[in-house]
PDB file of all heavy atoms in Angstrom:
ATOM      1  N   ARG A   1       0.909  -1.187  -0.005  1.00  0.00           N
ATOM      2  CA  ARG A   1      -0.001   0.026   0.010  1.00  0.00           C
ATOM      3  C   ARG A   1       0.877   1.264   0.008  1.00  0.00           C
ATOM      4  O   ARG A   1       1.862   1.318   0.757  1.00  0.00           O
ATOM      5  CB  ARG A   1      -0.878  -0.021   1.212  1.00  0.00           C
ATOM      6  CG  ARG A   1      -1.994   1.038   1.274  1.00  0.00           C
ATOM      7  CD  ARG A   1      -2.987   0.730   2.315  1.00  0.00           C
ATOM      8  NE  ARG A   1      -3.990   1.811   2.433  1.00  0.00           N
ATOM      9  CZ  ARG A   1      -5.275   1.599   2.687  1.00  0.00           C
ATOM     10  NH1 ARG A   1      -5.692   0.312   2.749  1.00  0.00           N
ATOM     11  NH2 ARG A   1      -6.089   2.541   2.802  1.00  0.00           N
ATOM     12  N   VAL A   2       0.624   2.164  -0.890  1.00  0.00           N
ATOM     13  CA  VAL A   2       1.493   3.382  -1.022  1.00  0.00           C
ATOM     14  C   VAL A   2       0.671   4.656  -0.893  1.00  0.00           C
ATOM     15  O   VAL A   2      -0.556   4.666  -1.207  1.00  0.00           O
ATOM     16  CB  VAL A   2       2.223   3.374  -2.333  1.00  0.00           C
ATOM     17  CG1 VAL A   2       3.293   2.270  -2.360  1.00  0.00           C
ATOM     18  CG2 VAL A   2       1.304   3.185  -3.560  1.00  0.00           C
ATOM     19  N   LYS A   3       1.359   5.718  -0.417  1.00  0.00           N
ATOM     20  CA  LYS A   3       0.715   7.041  -0.439  1.00  0.00           C
ATOM     21  C   LYS A   3       1.537   7.851  -1.479  1.00  0.00           C
ATOM     22  O   LYS A   3       2.779   8.038  -1.349  1.00  0.00           O
ATOM     23  CB  LYS A   3       0.805   7.674   0.926  1.00  0.00           C
ATOM     24  CG  LYS A   3       0.081   9.050   0.917  1.00  0.00           C
ATOM     25  CD  LYS A   3      -0.155   9.534   2.382  1.00  0.00           C
ATOM     26  CE  LYS A   3       1.032  10.000   3.087  1.00  0.00           C
ATOM     27  NZ  LYS A   3       0.726  10.668   4.399  1.00  0.00           N
ATOM     28  N   ILE A   4       0.870   8.387  -2.514  1.00  0.00           N
ATOM     29  CA  ILE A   4       1.426   9.076  -3.559  1.00  0.00           C
ATOM     30  C   ILE A   4       1.138  10.559  -3.568  1.00  0.00           C
ATOM     31  O   ILE A   4      -0.096  10.901  -3.441  1.00  0.00           O
ATOM     32  CB  ILE A   4       1.050   8.402  -4.916  1.00  0.00           C
ATOM     33  CG1 ILE A   4       1.679   7.038  -5.042  1.00  0.00           C
ATOM     34  CG2 ILE A   4       1.594   9.253  -6.128  1.00  0.00           C
ATOM     35  CD1 ILE A   4       1.062   6.136  -6.048  1.00  0.00           C
ATOM     36  N   THR A   5       2.170  11.378  -3.641  1.00  0.00           N
ATOM     37  CA  THR A   5       1.934  12.830  -3.867  1.00  0.00           C
ATOM     38  C   THR A   5       2.470  13.158  -5.252  1.00  0.00           C
ATOM     39  O   THR A   5       3.607  12.882  -5.577  1.00  0.00           O
ATOM     40  CB  THR A   5       2.786  13.600  -2.853  1.00  0.00           C
ATOM     41  OG1 THR A   5       2.533  13.068  -1.515  1.00  0.00           O
ATOM     42  CG2 THR A   5       2.402  15.113  -2.865  1.00  0.00           C
ATOM     43  N   GLY A   6       1.560  13.633  -6.034  1.00  0.00           N
ATOM     44  CA  GLY A   6       1.998  13.846  -7.460  1.00  0.00           C
ATOM     45  C   GLY A   6       1.039  14.782  -8.247  1.00  0.00           C
ATOM     46  O   GLY A   6       0.165  15.421  -7.656  1.00  0.00           O
ATOM     47  N   ILE A   7       1.303  14.916  -9.566  1.00  0.00           N
ATOM     48  CA  ILE A   7       0.565  15.836 -10.415  1.00  0.00           C
ATOM     49  C   ILE A   7      -0.186  15.027 -11.530  1.00  0.00           C
ATOM     50  O   ILE A   7       0.500  14.325 -12.305  1.00  0.00           O
ATOM     51  CB  ILE A   7       1.511  16.851 -11.060  1.00  0.00           C
ATOM     52  CG1 ILE A   7       2.435  17.530 -10.035  1.00  0.00           C
ATOM     53  CG2 ILE A   7       0.754  17.859 -11.920  1.00  0.00           C
ATOM     54  CD1 ILE A   7       3.582  18.321 -10.569  1.00  0.00           C
ATOM     55  N   PRO A   8      -1.494  15.056 -11.503  1.00  0.00           N
ATOM     56  CA  PRO A   8      -2.159  14.436 -12.638  1.00  0.00           C
ATOM     57  C   PRO A   8      -1.878  15.106 -13.935  1.00  0.00           C
ATOM     58  O   PRO A   8      -1.930  16.344 -14.025  1.00  0.00           O
ATOM     59  CB  PRO A   8      -3.683  14.609 -12.270  1.00  0.00           C
ATOM     60  CG  PRO A   8      -3.724  14.849 -10.798  1.00  0.00           C
ATOM     61  CD  PRO A   8      -2.429  15.636 -10.575  1.00  0.00           C
ATOM     62  N   ILE A   9      -1.525  14.257 -14.959  1.00  0.00           N
ATOM     63  CA  ILE A   9      -1.211  14.770 -16.260  1.00  0.00           C
ATOM     64  C   ILE A   9      -2.008  14.101 -17.325  1.00  0.00           C
ATOM     65  O   ILE A   9      -2.520  12.942 -17.089  1.00  0.00           O
ATOM     66  CB  ILE A   9       0.247  14.592 -16.541  1.00  0.00           C
ATOM     67  CG1 ILE A   9       0.685  13.119 -16.421  1.00  0.00           C
ATOM     68  CG2 ILE A   9       1.164  15.515 -15.789  1.00  0.00           C
ATOM     69  CD1 ILE A   9       2.075  12.818 -16.718  1.00  0.00           C
ATOM     70  N   LYS A  10      -2.200  14.735 -18.475  1.00  0.00           N
ATOM     71  CA  LYS A  10      -3.014  14.057 -19.500  1.00  0.00           C
ATOM     72  C   LYS A  10      -2.082  13.579 -20.564  1.00  0.00           C
ATOM     73  O   LYS A  10      -1.050  14.222 -20.970  1.00  0.00           O
ATOM     74  CB  LYS A  10      -4.029  15.034 -20.123  1.00  0.00           C
ATOM     75  CG  LYS A  10      -3.520  16.219 -20.765  1.00  0.00           C
ATOM     76  CD  LYS A  10      -4.644  17.153 -21.277  1.00  0.00           C
ATOM     77  CE  LYS A  10      -4.195  18.201 -22.177  1.00  0.00           C
ATOM     78  NZ  LYS A  10      -3.432  19.273 -21.563  1.00  0.00           N
ATOM     79  N   VAL A  11      -2.410  12.315 -21.147  1.00  0.00           N
ATOM     80  CA  VAL A  11      -1.684  11.748 -22.170  1.00  0.00           C
ATOM     81  C   VAL A  11      -2.576  11.367 -23.318  1.00  0.00           C
ATOM     82  O   VAL A  11      -3.566  10.617 -23.083  1.00  0.00           O
ATOM     83  CB  VAL A  11      -0.896  10.429 -21.682  1.00  0.00           C
ATOM     84  CG1 VAL A  11      -0.070   9.798 -22.799  1.00  0.00           C
ATOM     85  CG2 VAL A  11       0.049  10.789 -20.550  1.00  0.00           C
ATOM     86  N   LYS A  12      -2.361  11.898 -24.515  1.00  0.00           N
ATOM     87  CA  LYS A  12      -3.220  11.678 -25.693  1.00  0.00           C
ATOM     88  C   LYS A  12      -3.054  10.271 -26.173  1.00  0.00           C
ATOM     89  O   LYS A  12      -1.999   9.825 -26.427  1.00  0.00           O
ATOM     90  CB  LYS A  12      -2.970  12.667 -26.773  1.00  0.00           C
ATOM     91  CG  LYS A  12      -4.081  12.668 -27.845  1.00  0.00           C
ATOM     92  CD  LYS A  12      -3.950  13.859 -28.809  1.00  0.00           C
ATOM     93  CE  LYS A  12      -5.119  13.902 -29.716  1.00  0.00           C
ATOM     94  NZ  LYS A  12      -5.139  15.064 -30.635  1.00  0.00           N
ATOM     95  N   LYS A  13      -4.213   9.556 -26.289  1.00  0.00           N
ATOM     96  CA  LYS A  13      -4.172   8.197 -26.732  1.00  0.00           C
ATOM     97  C   LYS A  13      -4.873   8.039 -28.138  1.00  0.00           C
ATOM     98  O   LYS A  13      -4.437   7.191 -28.899  1.00  0.00           O
ATOM     99  CB  LYS A  13      -5.000   7.270 -25.747  1.00  0.00           C
ATOM    100  CG  LYS A  13      -4.282   6.979 -24.527  1.00  0.00           C
ATOM    101  CD  LYS A  13      -3.073   6.067 -24.744  1.00  0.00           C
ATOM    102  CE  LYS A  13      -2.247   5.764 -23.500  1.00  0.00           C
ATOM    103  NZ  LYS A  13      -1.075   4.940 -23.752  1.00  0.00           N
ATOM    104  N   SER A  14      -5.789   8.959 -28.420  1.00  0.00           N
ATOM    105  CA  SER A  14      -6.411   8.878 -29.753  1.00  0.00           C
ATOM    106  C   SER A  14      -5.825   9.905 -30.698  1.00  0.00           C
ATOM    107  O   SER A  14      -5.606  11.112 -30.324  1.00  0.00           O
ATOM    108  CB  SER A  14      -7.949   9.137 -29.532  1.00  0.00           C
ATOM    109  OG  SER A  14      -8.537   9.335 -30.812  1.00  0.00           O
ATOM    110  N   LYS A  15      -5.497   9.462 -31.866  1.00  0.00           N
ATOM    111  CA  LYS A  15      -4.852  10.323 -32.886  1.00  0.00           C
ATOM    112  C   LYS A  15      -5.968  11.159 -33.539  1.00  0.00           C
ATOM    113  O   LYS A  15      -5.711  12.257 -34.076  1.00  0.00           O
ATOM    114  CB  LYS A  15      -4.101   9.527 -33.919  1.00  0.00           C
ATOM    115  CG  LYS A  15      -2.838   8.903 -33.392  1.00  0.00           C
ATOM    116  CD  LYS A  15      -2.173   8.092 -34.492  1.00  0.00           C
ATOM    117  CE  LYS A  15      -0.878   7.516 -33.934  1.00  0.00           C
ATOM    118  NZ  LYS A  15      -0.195   6.644 -34.972  1.00  0.00           N
ATOM    119  N   LYS A  16      -7.225  10.681 -33.556  1.00  0.00           N
ATOM    120  CA  LYS A  16      -8.296  11.328 -34.254  1.00  0.00           C
ATOM    121  C   LYS A  16      -9.064  12.283 -33.382  1.00  0.00           C
ATOM    122  O   LYS A  16      -9.549  13.343 -33.790  1.00  0.00           O
ATOM    123  CB  LYS A  16      -9.201  10.291 -34.901  1.00  0.00           C
ATOM    124  CG  LYS A  16      -8.586   9.443 -35.926  1.00  0.00           C
ATOM    125  CD  LYS A  16      -9.563   8.382 -36.484  1.00  0.00           C
ATOM    126  CE  LYS A  16      -8.913   7.495 -37.568  1.00  0.00           C
ATOM    127  NZ  LYS A  16      -9.842   6.453 -38.056  1.00  0.00           N
ATOM    128  N   LEU A  17      -9.191  11.902 -32.121  1.00  0.00           N
ATOM    129  CA  LEU A  17     -10.063  12.719 -31.156  1.00  0.00           C
ATOM    130  C   LEU A  17      -9.249  13.360 -30.110  1.00  0.00           C
ATOM    131  O   LEU A  17      -8.274  12.830 -29.616  1.00  0.00           O
ATOM    132  CB  LEU A  17     -11.160  11.779 -30.572  1.00  0.00           C
ATOM    133  CG  LEU A  17     -12.108  11.092 -31.583  1.00  0.00           C
ATOM    134  CD1 LEU A  17     -12.943  10.009 -30.835  1.00  0.00           C
ATOM    135  CD2 LEU A  17     -13.018  12.123 -32.224  1.00  0.00           C
ATOM    136  N   PRO A  18      -9.704  14.543 -29.601  1.00  0.00           N
ATOM    137  CA  PRO A  18      -8.999  15.205 -28.508  1.00  0.00           C
ATOM    138  C   PRO A  18      -9.384  14.623 -27.114  1.00  0.00           C
ATOM    139  O   PRO A  18      -9.871  15.273 -26.256  1.00  0.00           O
ATOM    140  CB  PRO A  18      -9.448  16.676 -28.640  1.00  0.00           C
ATOM    141  CG  PRO A  18     -10.808  16.530 -29.209  1.00  0.00           C
ATOM    142  CD  PRO A  18     -10.807  15.349 -30.112  1.00  0.00           C
ATOM    143  N   ILE A  19      -9.118  13.251 -26.991  1.00  0.00           N
ATOM    144  CA  ILE A  19      -9.437  12.565 -25.783  1.00  0.00           C
ATOM    145  C   ILE A  19      -8.142  12.073 -25.190  1.00  0.00           C
ATOM    146  O   ILE A  19      -7.300  11.570 -25.863  1.00  0.00           O
ATOM    147  CB  ILE A  19     -10.414  11.359 -26.080  1.00  0.00           C
ATOM    148  CG1 ILE A  19     -11.722  11.940 -26.611  1.00  0.00           C
ATOM    149  CG2 ILE A  19     -10.682  10.513 -24.847  1.00  0.00           C
ATOM    150  CD1 ILE A  19     -12.687  10.861 -27.063  1.00  0.00           C
ATOM    151  N   TYR A  20      -8.110  12.175 -23.848  1.00  0.00           N
ATOM    152  CA  TYR A  20      -6.859  11.823 -23.152  1.00  0.00           C
ATOM    153  C   TYR A  20      -7.013  10.801 -22.042  1.00  0.00           C
ATOM    154  O   TYR A  20      -8.161  10.717 -21.504  1.00  0.00           O
ATOM    155  CB  TYR A  20      -6.260  13.144 -22.596  1.00  0.00           C
ATOM    156  CG  TYR A  20      -6.014  14.304 -23.487  1.00  0.00           C
ATOM    157  CD1 TYR A  20      -7.031  15.104 -23.898  1.00  0.00           C
ATOM    158  CD2 TYR A  20      -4.720  14.419 -24.065  1.00  0.00           C
ATOM    159  CE1 TYR A  20      -6.796  16.094 -24.869  1.00  0.00           C
ATOM    160  CE2 TYR A  20      -4.469  15.455 -25.017  1.00  0.00           C
ATOM    161  CZ  TYR A  20      -5.544  16.306 -25.409  1.00  0.00           C
ATOM    162  OH  TYR A  20      -5.325  17.224 -26.317  1.00  0.00           O
ATOM    163  N   ASP A  21      -5.988  10.188 -21.640  1.00  0.00           N
ATOM    164  CA  ASP A  21      -5.919   9.352 -20.450  1.00  0.00           C
ATOM    165  C   ASP A  21      -5.232  10.213 -19.329  1.00  0.00           C
ATOM    166  O   ASP A  21      -4.356  11.016 -19.624  1.00  0.00           O
ATOM    167  CB  ASP A  21      -5.087   8.069 -20.631  1.00  0.00           C
ATOM    168  CG  ASP A  21      -5.875   6.998 -21.366  1.00  0.00           C
ATOM    169  OD1 ASP A  21      -7.117   7.174 -21.465  1.00  0.00           O
ATOM    170  OD2 ASP A  21      -5.276   6.046 -21.825  1.00  0.00           O
ATOM    171  N   ILE A  22      -5.665  10.010 -18.158  1.00  0.00           N
ATOM    172  CA  ILE A  22      -5.026  10.741 -16.949  1.00  0.00           C
ATOM    173  C   ILE A  22      -4.104   9.779 -16.242  1.00  0.00           C
ATOM    174  O   ILE A  22      -4.478   8.686 -15.922  1.00  0.00           O
ATOM    175  CB  ILE A  22      -6.074  11.290 -15.980  1.00  0.00           C
ATOM    176  CG1 ILE A  22      -7.000  12.334 -16.682  1.00  0.00           C
ATOM    177  CG2 ILE A  22      -5.382  11.926 -14.798  1.00  0.00           C
ATOM    178  CD1 ILE A  22      -8.055  12.895 -15.800  1.00  0.00           C
ATOM    179  N   HIS A  23      -2.839  10.189 -16.049  1.00  0.00           N
ATOM    180  CA  HIS A  23      -1.855   9.489 -15.330  1.00  0.00           C
ATOM    181  C   HIS A  23      -1.387  10.433 -14.235  1.00  0.00           C
ATOM    182  O   HIS A  23      -1.685  11.658 -14.195  1.00  0.00           O
ATOM    183  CB  HIS A  23      -0.767   8.963 -16.239  1.00  0.00           C
ATOM    184  CG  HIS A  23      -1.102   8.118 -17.328  1.00  0.00           C
ATOM    185  ND1 HIS A  23      -2.115   7.127 -17.166  1.00  0.00           N
ATOM    186  CD2 HIS A  23      -0.767   8.020 -18.662  1.00  0.00           C
ATOM    187  CE1 HIS A  23      -2.295   6.494 -18.368  1.00  0.00           C
ATOM    188  NE2 HIS A  23      -1.495   7.057 -19.247  1.00  0.00           N
ATOM    189  N   VAL A  24      -0.552   9.907 -13.320  1.00  0.00           N
ATOM    190  CA  VAL A  24       0.036  10.759 -12.355  1.00  0.00           C
ATOM    191  C   VAL A  24       1.520  10.743 -12.331  1.00  0.00           C
ATOM    192  O   VAL A  24       2.154   9.653 -12.366  1.00  0.00           O
ATOM    193  CB  VAL A  24      -0.419  10.274 -10.904  1.00  0.00           C
ATOM    194  CG1 VAL A  24       0.289  11.102  -9.775  1.00  0.00           C
ATOM    195  CG2 VAL A  24      -1.977  10.558 -10.752  1.00  0.00           C
ATOM    196  N   LYS A  25       2.124  11.896 -12.349  1.00  0.00           N
ATOM    197  CA  LYS A  25       3.625  12.065 -12.302  1.00  0.00           C
ATOM    198  C   LYS A  25       3.917  12.195 -10.845  1.00  0.00           C
ATOM    199  O   LYS A  25       3.556  13.248 -10.207  1.00  0.00           O
ATOM    200  CB  LYS A  25       4.057  13.216 -13.103  1.00  0.00           C
ATOM    201  CG  LYS A  25       5.555  13.420 -13.144  1.00  0.00           C
ATOM    202  CD  LYS A  25       5.884  14.662 -14.009  1.00  0.00           C
ATOM    203  CE  LYS A  25       7.370  14.910 -13.948  1.00  0.00           C
ATOM    204  NZ  LYS A  25       7.710  16.120 -14.756  1.00  0.00           N
ATOM    205  N   ALA A  26       4.515  11.218 -10.259  1.00  0.00           N
ATOM    206  CA  ALA A  26       4.715  11.257  -8.739  1.00  0.00           C
ATOM    207  C   ALA A  26       5.933  12.109  -8.346  1.00  0.00           C
ATOM    208  O   ALA A  26       6.925  11.990  -9.025  1.00  0.00           O
ATOM    209  CB  ALA A  26       4.888   9.793  -8.248  1.00  0.00           C
ATOM    210  N   LEU A  27       5.746  12.919  -7.353  1.00  0.00           N
ATOM    211  CA  LEU A  27       6.814  13.608  -6.793  1.00  0.00           C
ATOM    212  C   LEU A  27       7.411  12.910  -5.560  1.00  0.00           C
ATOM    213  O   LEU A  27       8.585  13.074  -5.187  1.00  0.00           O
ATOM    214  CB  LEU A  27       6.373  15.037  -6.344  1.00  0.00           C
ATOM    215  CG  LEU A  27       5.760  15.903  -7.478  1.00  0.00           C
ATOM    216  CD1 LEU A  27       5.200  17.133  -6.916  1.00  0.00           C
ATOM    217  CD2 LEU A  27       6.865  16.210  -8.555  1.00  0.00           C
ATOM    218  N   HIS A  28       6.501  12.069  -4.878  1.00  0.00           N
ATOM    219  CA  HIS A  28       6.950  11.305  -3.745  1.00  0.00           C
ATOM    220  C   HIS A  28       6.034  10.054  -3.682  1.00  0.00           C
ATOM    221  O   HIS A  28       4.788  10.197  -3.866  1.00  0.00           O
ATOM    222  CB  HIS A  28       6.828  12.147  -2.463  1.00  0.00           C
ATOM    223  CG  HIS A  28       7.301  11.478  -1.230  1.00  0.00           C
ATOM    224  ND1 HIS A  28       8.686  11.223  -1.034  1.00  0.00           N
ATOM    225  CD2 HIS A  28       6.681  10.934  -0.162  1.00  0.00           C
ATOM    226  CE1 HIS A  28       8.810  10.547   0.122  1.00  0.00           C
ATOM    227  NE2 HIS A  28       7.615  10.415   0.669  1.00  0.00           N
ATOM    228  N   CYS A  29       6.637   8.940  -3.328  1.00  0.00           N
ATOM    229  CA  CYS A  29       5.813   7.736  -3.155  1.00  0.00           C
ATOM    230  C   CYS A  29       6.348   7.062  -1.868  1.00  0.00           C
ATOM    231  O   CYS A  29       7.465   6.659  -1.693  1.00  0.00           O
ATOM    232  CB  CYS A  29       6.041   6.771  -4.322  1.00  0.00           C
ATOM    233  SG  CYS A  29       5.143   5.288  -4.166  1.00  0.00           S
ATOM    234  N   GLU A  30       5.436   6.967  -0.848  1.00  0.00           N
ATOM    235  CA  GLU A  30       5.780   6.426   0.453  1.00  0.00           C
ATOM    236  C   GLU A  30       5.034   5.080   0.553  1.00  0.00           C
ATOM    237  O   GLU A  30       3.789   4.983   0.447  1.00  0.00           O
ATOM    238  CB  GLU A  30       5.319   7.429   1.520  1.00  0.00           C
ATOM    239  CG  GLU A  30       5.509   6.942   2.921  1.00  0.00           C
ATOM    240  CD  GLU A  30       4.956   7.894   3.981  1.00  0.00           C
ATOM    241  OE1 GLU A  30       4.443   8.939   3.580  1.00  0.00           O
ATOM    242  OE2 GLU A  30       4.960   7.544   5.119  1.00  0.00           O
TER     243      GLU A  30
END
């Protein structure tokens, strides 16, 4: 079990549509 402090970022998955997946860029993981 982890506690994550980070920034949600969007990553484009579709080449045709402006739709994104949300991932988290972690600054700290405890």
